[in-house]
Amino acid sequence: MEESSRHMDRRSKEIFERQNMPGLVAAQKTAHNCYSVGKILSVFLVVTSVAVPVAINVVLSLFDIDILNGCLIFASFLCLIVSEFIRTRIKKWKFYGAGMQQYFDEFVFGLKNSCKKYIYPQKLSLYERLKLMKRFDKRNDESFHDWYSDFSALPYEEAVYQCQKQNIRWEMSAKKTYLVVLIIMSAAIIIGIVINAILQRMNVWVMVAVLSTLVPVATFLYNAIKKLCEDVKSRNSLYLHIESIEEKHSPEELWDEIEELQVEIFDYRKQAYLVPDWFHKLFRHGKQKEEDNYAENLSKERR
């Protein structure tokens, strides 16, 4: 029994050694940079969906020219078309990021892709992975070491499970906070546009032009808030589900659940809302410290 325990601990430590292998650090760095490209595209989405319509609103409040009003109404709806194109590009780069993270997790955790509940979803090919890794090869990789907190004192299956749960906790924490920020910002922008239209005492034609600027703004903000709400709800439900599974199974029986959970995580990453990097950085240090303390205390309890 003692020999078996030592063997399990040794294998668990391998998880946290593998995550710092050069090729896997590069994979996680590439995943981060793929998501960053998606986030840069999201900035362009904000410009076409929010900044341009708000600028149009300002112009309309300053000039009352029929031809100009008509052109600006057209520009407002053109923003909708451009926004949809940008969304398809964001989706592509989210898939790249999720694919690189999936590759990282599969190798680090030693997953065998033996999940019986799902047909495994499309993943990045070796050619695509190498191409992406080459693209971001020169980027700094210092912050991608020790990606998961150290659960090496736990049995192997439970250590993997705790890493997966850590992934979900990070997502839940960031998105709940960002959702509040986005709701406040949305209310301020929409109320500001409506008040501006009222105070300017515009005629009907100008009023229509001003309110048309709300269409791309409202569409963007509605989609963003809706997606964040769905993400938070999905992560909360999944977290409660996996905690109930953990209570019912021994560590050795968790492996099938681990395989299925990894598929769920991959599917989520492909379509999840991208929270800006600057927002993550505000809370990264404190959250990492919190997770490391949790891992340390949990390990002490199991010894």
C-alpha atoms as a PDB file:
ATOM      1  CA  MET A   1       0.000   0.000   0.000  1.00  0.00           C
ATOM      2  CA  GLU A   2       2.855   2.371   0.914  1.00  0.00           C
ATOM      3  CA  GLU A   3       4.694   1.490  -2.308  1.00  0.00           C
ATOM      4  CA  SER A   4       1.543   2.187  -4.334  1.00  0.00           C
ATOM      5  CA  SER A   5       1.163   5.588  -2.671  1.00  0.00           C
ATOM      6  CA  ARG A   6       4.757   6.544  -3.492  1.00  0.00           C
ATOM      7  CA  HIS A   7       4.219   5.507  -7.098  1.00  0.00           C
ATOM      8  CA  MET A   8       1.077   7.625  -7.336  1.00  0.00           C
ATOM      9  CA  ASP A   9       2.881  10.647  -5.865  1.00  0.00           C
ATOM     10  CA  ARG A  10       5.740  10.233  -8.336  1.00  0.00           C
ATOM     11  CA  ARG A  11       3.332  10.190 -11.263  1.00  0.00           C
ATOM     12  CA  SER A  12       1.507  13.227  -9.948  1.00  0.00           C
ATOM     13  CA  LYS A  13       4.759  15.181  -9.814  1.00  0.00           C
ATOM     14  CA  GLU A  14       5.307  14.383 -13.475  1.00  0.00           C
ATOM     15  CA  ILE A  15       2.259  16.493 -14.363  1.00  0.00           C
ATOM     16  CA  PHE A  16       3.888  19.591 -12.930  1.00  0.00           C
ATOM     17  CA  GLU A  17       7.242  18.754 -14.481  1.00  0.00           C
ATOM     18  CA  ARG A  18       5.737  18.193 -17.921  1.00  0.00           C
ATOM     19  CA  GLN A  19       3.940  21.543 -17.883  1.00  0.00           C
ATOM     20  CA  ASN A  20       7.341  23.270 -17.854  1.00  0.00           C
ATOM     21  CA  MET A  21       8.818  21.326 -20.780  1.00  0.00           C
ATOM     22  CA  PRO A  22       9.973  23.837 -23.461  1.00  0.00           C
ATOM     23  CA  GLY A  23       7.563  22.551 -26.124  1.00  0.00           C
ATOM     24  CA  LEU A  24       4.592  22.735 -23.767  1.00  0.00           C
ATOM     25  CA  VAL A  25       5.477  26.170 -22.433  1.00  0.00           C
ATOM     26  CA  ALA A  26       5.622  27.238 -26.088  1.00  0.00           C
ATOM     27  CA  ALA A  27       2.207  25.659 -26.695  1.00  0.00           C
ATOM     28  CA  GLN A  28       0.635  27.559 -23.792  1.00  0.00           C
ATOM     29  CA  LYS A  29       2.325  30.778 -24.929  1.00  0.00           C
ATOM     30  CA  THR A  30       0.926  30.204 -28.421  1.00  0.00           C
ATOM     31  CA  ALA A  31      -2.558  29.606 -27.016  1.00  0.00           C
ATOM     32  CA  HIS A  32      -2.354  32.898 -25.122  1.00  0.00           C
ATOM     33  CA  ASN A  33      -1.210  34.789 -28.213  1.00  0.00           C
ATOM     34  CA  CYS A  34      -3.948  33.244 -30.367  1.00  0.00           C
ATOM     35  CA  TYR A  35      -6.519  34.468 -27.857  1.00  0.00           C
ATOM     36  CA  SER A  36      -4.742  37.846 -27.873  1.00  0.00           C
ATOM     37  CA  VAL A  37      -5.214  38.128 -31.648  1.00  0.00           C
ATOM     38  CA  GLY A  38      -8.902  37.428 -31.043  1.00  0.00           C
ATOM     39  CA  LYS A  39      -8.938  40.136 -28.382  1.00  0.00           C
ATOM     40  CA  ILE A  40      -7.273  42.635 -30.748  1.00  0.00           C
ATOM     41  CA  LEU A  41      -9.974  41.851 -33.281  1.00  0.00           C
ATOM     42  CA  SER A  42     -12.472  42.411 -30.471  1.00  0.00           C
ATOM     43  CA  VAL A  43     -11.087  45.949 -30.139  1.00  0.00           C
ATOM     44  CA  PHE A  44     -11.889  46.526 -33.816  1.00  0.00           C
ATOM     45  CA  LEU A  45     -15.318  45.083 -33.086  1.00  0.00           C
ATOM     46  CA  VAL A  46     -15.774  47.642 -30.314  1.00  0.00           C
ATOM     47  CA  VAL A  47     -14.668  50.414 -32.681  1.00  0.00           C
ATOM     48  CA  THR A  48     -17.154  49.439 -35.407  1.00  0.00           C
ATOM     49  CA  SER A  49     -19.945  48.563 -32.987  1.00  0.00           C
ATOM     50  CA  VAL A  50     -19.579  51.278 -30.361  1.00  0.00           C
ATOM     51  CA  ALA A  51     -16.967  53.959 -31.091  1.00  0.00           C
ATOM     52  CA  VAL A  52     -18.044  54.740 -34.670  1.00  0.00           C
ATOM     53  CA  PRO A  53     -21.777  54.924 -33.832  1.00  0.00           C
ATOM     54  CA  VAL A  54     -21.039  57.151 -30.823  1.00  0.00           C
ATOM     55  CA  ALA A  55     -18.917  59.414 -33.037  1.00  0.00           C
ATOM     56  CA  ILE A  56     -21.752  59.537 -35.562  1.00  0.00           C
ATOM     57  CA  ASN A  57     -24.081  60.505 -32.737  1.00  0.00           C
ATOM     58  CA  VAL A  58     -21.824  63.428 -31.832  1.00  0.00           C
ATOM     59  CA  VAL A  59     -21.669  64.591 -35.463  1.00  0.00           C
ATOM     60  CA  LEU A  60     -25.452  64.426 -35.761  1.00  0.00           C
ATOM     61  CA  SER A  61     -25.816  66.600 -32.683  1.00  0.00           C
ATOM     62  CA  LEU A  62     -23.566  69.257 -34.218  1.00  0.00           C
ATOM     63  CA  PHE A  63     -24.788  69.356 -37.823  1.00  0.00           C
ATOM     64  CA  ASP A  64     -28.314  69.265 -39.192  1.00  0.00           C
ATOM     65  CA  ILE A  65     -27.729  68.408 -42.867  1.00  0.00           C
ATOM     66  CA  ASP A  66     -30.140  65.999 -44.569  1.00  0.00           C
ATOM     67  CA  ILE A  67     -27.576  64.407 -46.891  1.00  0.00           C
ATOM     68  CA  LEU A  68     -25.124  63.984 -44.040  1.00  0.00           C
ATOM     69  CA  ASN A  69     -27.842  62.465 -41.864  1.00  0.00           C
ATOM     70  CA  GLY A  70     -28.680  59.919 -44.575  1.00  0.00           C
ATOM     71  CA  CYS A  71     -25.017  58.987 -45.050  1.00  0.00           C
ATOM     72  CA  LEU A  72     -24.544  58.515 -41.324  1.00  0.00           C
ATOM     73  CA  ILE A  73     -27.616  56.298 -41.054  1.00  0.00           C
ATOM     74  CA  PHE A  74     -26.151  54.150 -43.836  1.00  0.00           C
ATOM     75  CA  ALA A  75     -22.776  54.094 -42.044  1.00  0.00           C
ATOM     76  CA  SER A  76     -24.467  52.937 -38.832  1.00  0.00           C
ATOM     77  CA  PHE A  77     -25.948  49.886 -40.544  1.00  0.00           C
ATOM     78  CA  LEU A  78     -22.700  49.250 -42.452  1.00  0.00           C
ATOM     79  CA  CYS A  79     -21.071  48.892 -39.044  1.00  0.00           C
ATOM     80  CA  LEU A  80     -23.365  45.918 -38.396  1.00  0.00           C
ATOM     81  CA  ILE A  81     -22.078  44.106 -41.509  1.00  0.00           C
ATOM     82  CA  VAL A  82     -18.427  44.811 -40.725  1.00  0.00           C
ATOM     83  CA  SER A  83     -18.988  43.679 -37.142  1.00  0.00           C
ATOM     84  CA  GLU A  84     -20.304  40.299 -38.268  1.00  0.00           C
ATOM     85  CA  PHE A  85     -17.221  39.754 -40.455  1.00  0.00           C
ATOM     86  CA  ILE A  86     -14.948  40.562 -37.519  1.00  0.00           C
ATOM     87  CA  ARG A  87     -16.881  38.095 -35.345  1.00  0.00           C
ATOM     88  CA  THR A  88     -16.089  35.249 -37.773  1.00  0.00           C
ATOM     89  CA  ARG A  89     -12.383  36.071 -37.523  1.00  0.00           C
ATOM     90  CA  ILE A  90     -12.564  36.171 -33.727  1.00  0.00           C
ATOM     91  CA  LYS A  91     -14.194  32.733 -33.762  1.00  0.00           C
ATOM     92  CA  LYS A  92     -11.321  31.374 -35.849  1.00  0.00           C
ATOM     93  CA  TRP A  93      -8.648  32.639 -33.465  1.00  0.00           C
ATOM     94  CA  LYS A  94     -10.568  31.372 -30.434  1.00  0.00           C
ATOM     95  CA  PHE A  95     -10.508  27.923 -32.046  1.00  0.00           C
ATOM     96  CA  TYR A  96      -6.744  28.208 -32.517  1.00  0.00           C
ATOM     97  CA  GLY A  97      -6.276  29.215 -28.875  1.00  0.00           C
ATOM     98  CA  ALA A  98      -8.572  26.464 -27.603  1.00  0.00           C
ATOM     99  CA  GLY A  99      -6.805  23.910 -29.824  1.00  0.00           C
ATOM    100  CA  MET A 100      -3.379  24.820 -28.445  1.00  0.00           C
ATOM    101  CA  GLN A 101      -4.663  24.705 -24.867  1.00  0.00           C
ATOM    102  CA  GLN A 102      -6.253  21.340 -25.537  1.00  0.00           C
ATOM    103  CA  TYR A 103      -2.955  19.990 -26.869  1.00  0.00           C
ATOM    104  CA  PHE A 104      -1.184  21.342 -23.764  1.00  0.00           C
ATOM    105  CA  ASP A 105      -3.685  19.742 -21.386  1.00  0.00           C
ATOM    106  CA  GLU A 106      -3.734  16.400 -23.191  1.00  0.00           C
ATOM    107  CA  PHE A 107       0.029  16.072 -22.984  1.00  0.00           C
ATOM    108  CA  VAL A 108       0.434  17.455 -19.454  1.00  0.00           C
ATOM    109  CA  PHE A 109      -2.406  15.367 -18.006  1.00  0.00           C
ATOM    110  CA  GLY A 110      -1.584  12.265 -20.033  1.00  0.00           C
ATOM    111  CA  LEU A 111      -5.099  12.008 -21.483  1.00  0.00           C
ATOM    112  CA  LYS A 112      -5.800   9.023 -23.749  1.00  0.00           C
ATOM    113  CA  ASN A 113      -8.881  10.457 -25.482  1.00  0.00           C
ATOM    114  CA  SER A 114     -10.860   7.414 -24.341  1.00  0.00           C
ATOM    115  CA  CYS A 115     -14.008   9.403 -23.598  1.00  0.00           C
ATOM    116  CA  LYS A 116     -17.023   7.253 -24.501  1.00  0.00           C
ATOM    117  CA  LYS A 117     -19.756   9.847 -24.044  1.00  0.00           C
ATOM    118  CA  TYR A 118     -18.711  12.138 -26.890  1.00  0.00           C
ATOM    119  CA  ILE A 119     -17.315  11.852 -30.380  1.00  0.00           C
ATOM    120  CA  TYR A 120     -14.157  13.842 -29.964  1.00  0.00           C
ATOM    121  CA  PRO A 121     -14.443  17.300 -31.566  1.00  0.00           C
ATOM    122  CA  GLN A 122     -12.232  18.653 -34.324  1.00  0.00           C
ATOM    123  CA  LYS A 123      -8.762  19.622 -33.130  1.00  0.00           C
ATOM    124  CA  LEU A 124      -5.757  21.404 -34.570  1.00  0.00           C
ATOM    125  CA  SER A 125      -3.567  19.291 -36.822  1.00  0.00           C
ATOM    126  CA  LEU A 126       0.166  18.933 -36.153  1.00  0.00           C
ATOM    127  CA  TYR A 127       0.861  21.201 -39.143  1.00  0.00           C
ATOM    128  CA  GLU A 128      -1.452  23.914 -37.762  1.00  0.00           C
ATOM    129  CA  ARG A 129       0.061  23.690 -34.287  1.00  0.00           C
ATOM    130  CA  LEU A 130       3.632  23.984 -35.573  1.00  0.00           C
ATOM    131  CA  LYS A 131       2.690  26.872 -37.857  1.00  0.00           C
ATOM    132  CA  LEU A 132       1.096  28.787 -34.983  1.00  0.00           C
ATOM    133  CA  MET A 133       3.978  28.044 -32.604  1.00  0.00           C
ATOM    134  CA  LYS A 134       6.437  29.315 -35.224  1.00  0.00           C
ATOM    135  CA  ARG A 135       4.427  32.506 -35.626  1.00  0.00           C
ATOM    136  CA  PHE A 136       4.740  33.395 -31.935  1.00  0.00           C
ATOM    137  CA  ASP A 137       8.136  31.789 -31.330  1.00  0.00           C
ATOM    138  CA  LYS A 138       9.908  35.055 -30.465  1.00  0.00           C
ATOM    139  CA  ARG A 139       7.390  36.145 -27.829  1.00  0.00           C
ATOM    140  CA  ASN A 140       8.410  36.055 -24.177  1.00  0.00           C
ATOM    141  CA  ASP A 141       7.366  32.849 -22.395  1.00  0.00           C
ATOM    142  CA  GLU A 142       8.366  33.659 -18.805  1.00  0.00           C
ATOM    143  CA  SER A 143       4.790  33.974 -17.530  1.00  0.00           C
ATOM    144  CA  PHE A 144       3.763  30.567 -18.915  1.00  0.00           C
ATOM    145  CA  HIS A 145       5.861  28.425 -16.575  1.00  0.00           C
ATOM    146  CA  ASP A 146       4.115  26.683 -13.642  1.00  0.00           C
ATOM    147  CA  TRP A 147       0.781  27.191 -15.372  1.00  0.00           C
ATOM    148  CA  TYR A 148      -1.108  25.020 -12.881  1.00  0.00           C
ATOM    149  CA  SER A 149      -0.700  25.249  -9.118  1.00  0.00           C
ATOM    150  CA  ASP A 150       1.178  22.347  -7.543  1.00  0.00           C
ATOM    151  CA  PHE A 151      -1.190  19.487  -6.649  1.00  0.00           C
ATOM    152  CA  SER A 152       1.604  16.891  -6.782  1.00  0.00           C
ATOM    153  CA  ALA A 153       0.871  15.643  -3.244  1.00  0.00           C
ATOM    154  CA  LEU A 154      -2.494  14.283  -4.448  1.00  0.00           C
ATOM    155  CA  PRO A 155      -3.137  10.986  -6.252  1.00  0.00           C
ATOM    156  CA  TYR A 156      -2.634  11.326 -10.014  1.00  0.00           C
ATOM    157  CA  GLU A 157      -6.291  11.345 -11.077  1.00  0.00           C
ATOM    158  CA  GLU A 158      -7.248  13.828  -8.381  1.00  0.00           C
ATOM    159  CA  ALA A 159      -4.314  16.103  -9.275  1.00  0.00           C
ATOM    160  CA  VAL A 160      -5.544  16.273 -12.893  1.00  0.00           C
ATOM    161  CA  TYR A 161      -9.085  16.888 -11.695  1.00  0.00           C
ATOM    162  CA  GLN A 162      -7.968  19.758  -9.471  1.00  0.00           C
ATOM    163  CA  CYS A 163      -6.118  21.368 -12.396  1.00  0.00           C
ATOM    164  CA  GLN A 164      -9.264  21.189 -14.491  1.00  0.00           C
ATOM    165  CA  LYS A 165     -11.287  22.741 -11.687  1.00  0.00           C
ATOM    166  CA  GLN A 166      -8.702  25.497 -11.414  1.00  0.00           C
ATOM    167  CA  ASN A 167      -9.261  26.297 -15.098  1.00  0.00           C
ATOM    168  CA  ILE A 168     -12.965  26.749 -14.432  1.00  0.00           C
ATOM    169  CA  ARG A 169     -12.451  28.868 -11.292  1.00  0.00           C
ATOM    170  CA  TRP A 170     -10.210  31.291 -13.188  1.00  0.00           C
ATOM    171  CA  GLU A 171     -12.844  31.731 -15.880  1.00  0.00           C
ATOM    172  CA  MET A 172     -15.714  32.188 -13.424  1.00  0.00           C
ATOM    173  CA  SER A 173     -13.915  34.810 -11.361  1.00  0.00           C
ATOM    174  CA  ALA A 174     -12.801  36.998 -14.283  1.00  0.00           C
ATOM    175  CA  LYS A 175     -16.080  36.863 -16.162  1.00  0.00           C
ATOM    176  CA  LYS A 176     -18.337  37.616 -13.210  1.00  0.00           C
ATOM    177  CA  THR A 177     -16.365  40.789 -12.507  1.00  0.00           C
ATOM    178  CA  TYR A 178     -16.149  41.833 -16.150  1.00  0.00           C
ATOM    179  CA  LEU A 179     -19.885  41.275 -16.588  1.00  0.00           C
ATOM    180  CA  VAL A 180     -20.615  43.895 -13.925  1.00  0.00           C
ATOM    181  CA  VAL A 181     -18.222  46.360 -15.620  1.00  0.00           C
ATOM    182  CA  LEU A 182     -19.855  45.772 -19.021  1.00  0.00           C
ATOM    183  CA  ILE A 183     -23.388  46.255 -17.693  1.00  0.00           C
ATOM    184  CA  ILE A 184     -22.447  49.592 -16.084  1.00  0.00           C
ATOM    185  CA  MET A 185     -20.685  50.742 -19.270  1.00  0.00           C
ATOM    186  CA  SER A 186     -23.633  49.696 -21.431  1.00  0.00           C
ATOM    187  CA  ALA A 187     -26.134  51.609 -19.329  1.00  0.00           C
ATOM    188  CA  ALA A 188     -23.952  54.732 -19.392  1.00  0.00           C
ATOM    189  CA  ILE A 189     -23.513  54.698 -23.202  1.00  0.00           C
ATOM    190  CA  ILE A 190     -27.161  54.050 -24.081  1.00  0.00           C
ATOM    191  CA  ILE A 191     -28.519  56.542 -21.541  1.00  0.00           C
ATOM    192  CA  GLY A 192     -25.997  59.122 -22.782  1.00  0.00           C
ATOM    193  CA  ILE A 193     -27.104  58.748 -26.424  1.00  0.00           C
ATOM    194  CA  VAL A 194     -30.807  58.973 -25.532  1.00  0.00           C
ATOM    195  CA  ILE A 195     -30.320  62.026 -23.279  1.00  0.00           C
ATOM    196  CA  ASN A 196     -28.271  63.723 -25.997  1.00  0.00           C
ATOM    197  CA  ALA A 197     -31.084  63.194 -28.508  1.00  0.00           C
ATOM    198  CA  ILE A 198     -33.647  64.681 -26.101  1.00  0.00           C
ATOM    199  CA  LEU A 199     -31.552  67.689 -25.063  1.00  0.00           C
ATOM    200  CA  GLN A 200     -30.719  68.633 -28.644  1.00  0.00           C
ATOM    201  CA  ARG A 201     -34.468  68.944 -29.442  1.00  0.00           C
ATOM    202  CA  MET A 202     -33.909  67.369 -32.814  1.00  0.00           C
ATOM    203  CA  ASN A 203     -36.437  67.088 -35.589  1.00  0.00           C
ATOM    204  CA  VAL A 204     -37.854  63.667 -36.478  1.00  0.00           C
ATOM    205  CA  TRP A 205     -35.355  62.978 -39.294  1.00  0.00           C
ATOM    206  CA  VAL A 206     -32.327  63.753 -37.121  1.00  0.00           C
ATOM    207  CA  MET A 207     -33.881  61.854 -34.225  1.00  0.00           C
ATOM    208  CA  VAL A 208     -34.163  58.756 -36.439  1.00  0.00           C
ATOM    209  CA  ALA A 209     -30.525  59.178 -37.485  1.00  0.00           C
ATOM    210  CA  VAL A 210     -29.373  59.499 -33.872  1.00  0.00           C
ATOM    211  CA  LEU A 211     -31.378  56.515 -32.678  1.00  0.00           C
ATOM    212  CA  SER A 212     -30.044  54.452 -35.615  1.00  0.00           C
ATOM    213  CA  THR A 213     -26.605  54.745 -34.018  1.00  0.00           C
ATOM    214  CA  LEU A 214     -28.025  52.771 -31.115  1.00  0.00           C
ATOM    215  CA  VAL A 215     -28.571  49.710 -33.323  1.00  0.00           C
ATOM    216  CA  PRO A 216     -24.916  48.553 -33.640  1.00  0.00           C
ATOM    217  CA  VAL A 217     -24.138  49.736 -30.105  1.00  0.00           C
ATOM    218  CA  ALA A 218     -27.097  47.899 -28.581  1.00  0.00           C
ATOM    219  CA  THR A 219     -26.422  44.810 -30.710  1.00  0.00           C
ATOM    220  CA  PHE A 220     -22.802  44.643 -29.566  1.00  0.00           C
ATOM    221  CA  LEU A 221     -23.569  45.237 -25.896  1.00  0.00           C
ATOM    222  CA  TYR A 222     -26.545  42.871 -25.881  1.00  0.00           C
ATOM    223  CA  ASN A 223     -24.505  40.062 -27.475  1.00  0.00           C
ATOM    224  CA  ALA A 224     -21.588  40.659 -25.107  1.00  0.00           C
ATOM    225  CA  ILE A 225     -23.714  40.683 -21.948  1.00  0.00           C
ATOM    226  CA  LYS A 226     -25.778  37.710 -23.118  1.00  0.00           C
ATOM    227  CA  LYS A 227     -22.621  35.705 -23.894  1.00  0.00           C
ATOM    228  CA  LEU A 228     -21.021  36.554 -20.576  1.00  0.00           C
ATOM    229  CA  CYS A 229     -24.188  35.573 -18.698  1.00  0.00           C
ATOM    230  CA  GLU A 230     -24.288  32.265 -20.573  1.00  0.00           C
ATOM    231  CA  ASP A 231     -20.600  31.630 -19.838  1.00  0.00           C
ATOM    232  CA  VAL A 232     -21.002  32.359 -16.127  1.00  0.00           C
ATOM    233  CA  LYS A 233     -24.110  30.187 -15.876  1.00  0.00           C
ATOM    234  CA  SER A 234     -22.433  27.359 -17.798  1.00  0.00           C
ATOM    235  CA  ARG A 235     -19.279  27.458 -15.650  1.00  0.00           C
ATOM    236  CA  ASN A 236     -21.277  27.587 -12.409  1.00  0.00           C
ATOM    237  CA  SER A 237     -23.355  24.579 -13.446  1.00  0.00           C
ATOM    238  CA  LEU A 238     -20.320  22.604 -14.566  1.00  0.00           C
ATOM    239  CA  TYR A 239     -18.408  23.409 -11.389  1.00  0.00           C
ATOM    240  CA  LEU A 240     -21.277  22.270  -9.174  1.00  0.00           C
ATOM    241  CA  HIS A 241     -21.606  19.138 -11.285  1.00  0.00           C
ATOM    242  CA  ILE A 242     -17.961  18.147 -11.046  1.00  0.00           C
ATOM    243  CA  GLU A 243     -17.911  18.756  -7.291  1.00  0.00           C
ATOM    244  CA  SER A 244     -20.866  16.369  -6.921  1.00  0.00           C
ATOM    245  CA  ILE A 245     -18.997  13.787  -9.025  1.00  0.00           C
ATOM    246  CA  GLU A 246     -15.901  14.201  -6.889  1.00  0.00           C
ATOM    247  CA  GLU A 247     -17.887  13.391  -3.760  1.00  0.00           C
ATOM    248  CA  LYS A 248     -19.263  10.159  -5.259  1.00  0.00           C
ATOM    249  CA  HIS A 249     -16.105   8.703  -6.799  1.00  0.00           C
ATOM    250  CA  SER A 250     -12.752   7.529  -5.529  1.00  0.00           C
ATOM    251  CA  PRO A 251      -9.699   9.065  -7.263  1.00  0.00           C
ATOM    252  CA  GLU A 252      -9.200   5.899  -9.319  1.00  0.00           C
ATOM    253  CA  GLU A 253     -12.766   6.090 -10.641  1.00  0.00           C
ATOM    254  CA  LEU A 254     -12.443   9.711 -11.733  1.00  0.00           C
ATOM    255  CA  TRP A 255     -10.601   9.053 -14.991  1.00  0.00           C
ATOM    256  CA  ASP A 256     -13.663   8.631 -17.229  1.00  0.00           C
ATOM    257  CA  GLU A 257     -15.080  11.823 -15.758  1.00  0.00           C
ATOM    258  CA  ILE A 258     -11.764  13.579 -16.397  1.00  0.00           C
ATOM    259  CA  GLU A 259     -11.823  12.623 -20.080  1.00  0.00           C
ATOM    260  CA  GLU A 260     -15.407  13.848 -20.487  1.00  0.00           C
ATOM    261  CA  LEU A 261     -14.731  17.036 -18.546  1.00  0.00           C
ATOM    262  CA  GLN A 262     -11.799  17.861 -20.815  1.00  0.00           C
ATOM    263  CA  VAL A 263     -14.109  17.682 -23.835  1.00  0.00           C
ATOM    264  CA  GLU A 264     -16.499  20.076 -22.086  1.00  0.00           C
ATOM    265  CA  ILE A 265     -13.638  22.469 -21.326  1.00  0.00           C
ATOM    266  CA  PHE A 266     -12.452  22.377 -24.943  1.00  0.00           C
ATOM    267  CA  ASP A 267     -15.946  23.029 -26.297  1.00  0.00           C
ATOM    268  CA  TYR A 268     -16.334  25.932 -23.887  1.00  0.00           C
ATOM    269  CA  ARG A 269     -12.982  27.505 -24.816  1.00  0.00           C
ATOM    270  CA  LYS A 270     -13.868  27.519 -28.513  1.00  0.00           C
ATOM    271  CA  GLN A 271     -16.895  29.739 -28.001  1.00  0.00           C
ATOM    272  CA  ALA A 272     -16.231  31.579 -24.730  1.00  0.00           C
ATOM    273  CA  TYR A 273     -16.320  35.375 -24.504  1.00  0.00           C
ATOM    274  CA  LEU A 274     -12.817  36.874 -24.608  1.00  0.00           C
ATOM    275  CA  VAL A 275     -12.148  39.046 -21.574  1.00  0.00           C
ATOM    276  CA  PRO A 276      -9.454  41.676 -22.386  1.00  0.00           C
ATOM    277  CA  ASP A 277      -5.869  40.956 -21.317  1.00  0.00           C
ATOM    278  CA  TRP A 278      -5.630  44.233 -19.389  1.00  0.00           C
ATOM    279  CA  PHE A 279      -8.568  43.159 -17.237  1.00  0.00           C
ATOM    280  CA  HIS A 280      -6.988  39.763 -16.505  1.00  0.00           C
ATOM    281  CA  LYS A 281      -3.728  41.468 -15.507  1.00  0.00           C
ATOM    282  CA  LEU A 282      -5.518  43.581 -12.886  1.00  0.00           C
ATOM    283  CA  PHE A 283      -6.394  40.472 -10.879  1.00  0.00           C
ATOM    284  CA  ARG A 284      -3.832  37.894 -12.077  1.00  0.00           C
ATOM    285  CA  HIS A 285      -1.352  38.194  -9.212  1.00  0.00           C
ATOM    286  CA  GLY A 286      -3.983  38.059  -6.470  1.00  0.00           C
ATOM    287  CA  LYS A 287      -5.867  35.205  -8.122  1.00  0.00           C
ATOM    288  CA  GLN A 288      -2.683  33.184  -8.671  1.00  0.00           C
ATOM    289  CA  LYS A 289      -1.751  33.609  -5.016  1.00  0.00           C
ATOM    290  CA  GLU A 290      -5.238  32.512  -3.980  1.00  0.00           C
ATOM    291  CA  GLU A 291      -5.020  29.381  -6.169  1.00  0.00           C
ATOM    292  CA  ASP A 292      -1.531  28.495  -4.916  1.00  0.00           C
ATOM    293  CA  ASN A 293      -2.714  28.815  -1.303  1.00  0.00           C
ATOM    294  CA  TYR A 294      -5.682  26.580  -2.073  1.00  0.00           C
ATOM    295  CA  ALA A 295      -3.407  23.933  -3.626  1.00  0.00           C
ATOM    296  CA  GLU A 296      -1.042  24.083  -0.659  1.00  0.00           C
ATOM    297  CA  ASN A 297      -3.811  23.774   1.941  1.00  0.00           C
ATOM    298  CA  LEU A 298      -5.559  20.967   0.057  1.00  0.00           C
ATOM    299  CA  SER A 299      -2.295  19.039  -0.186  1.00  0.00           C
ATOM    300  CA  LYS A 300      -1.713  19.418   3.559  1.00  0.00           C
ATOM    301  CA  GLU A 301      -5.191  18.058   4.322  1.00  0.00           C
ATOM    302  CA  ARG A 302      -4.614  14.938   2.190  1.00  0.00           C
ATOM    303  CA  ARG A 303      -1.247  14.029   3.694  1.00  0.00           C
END
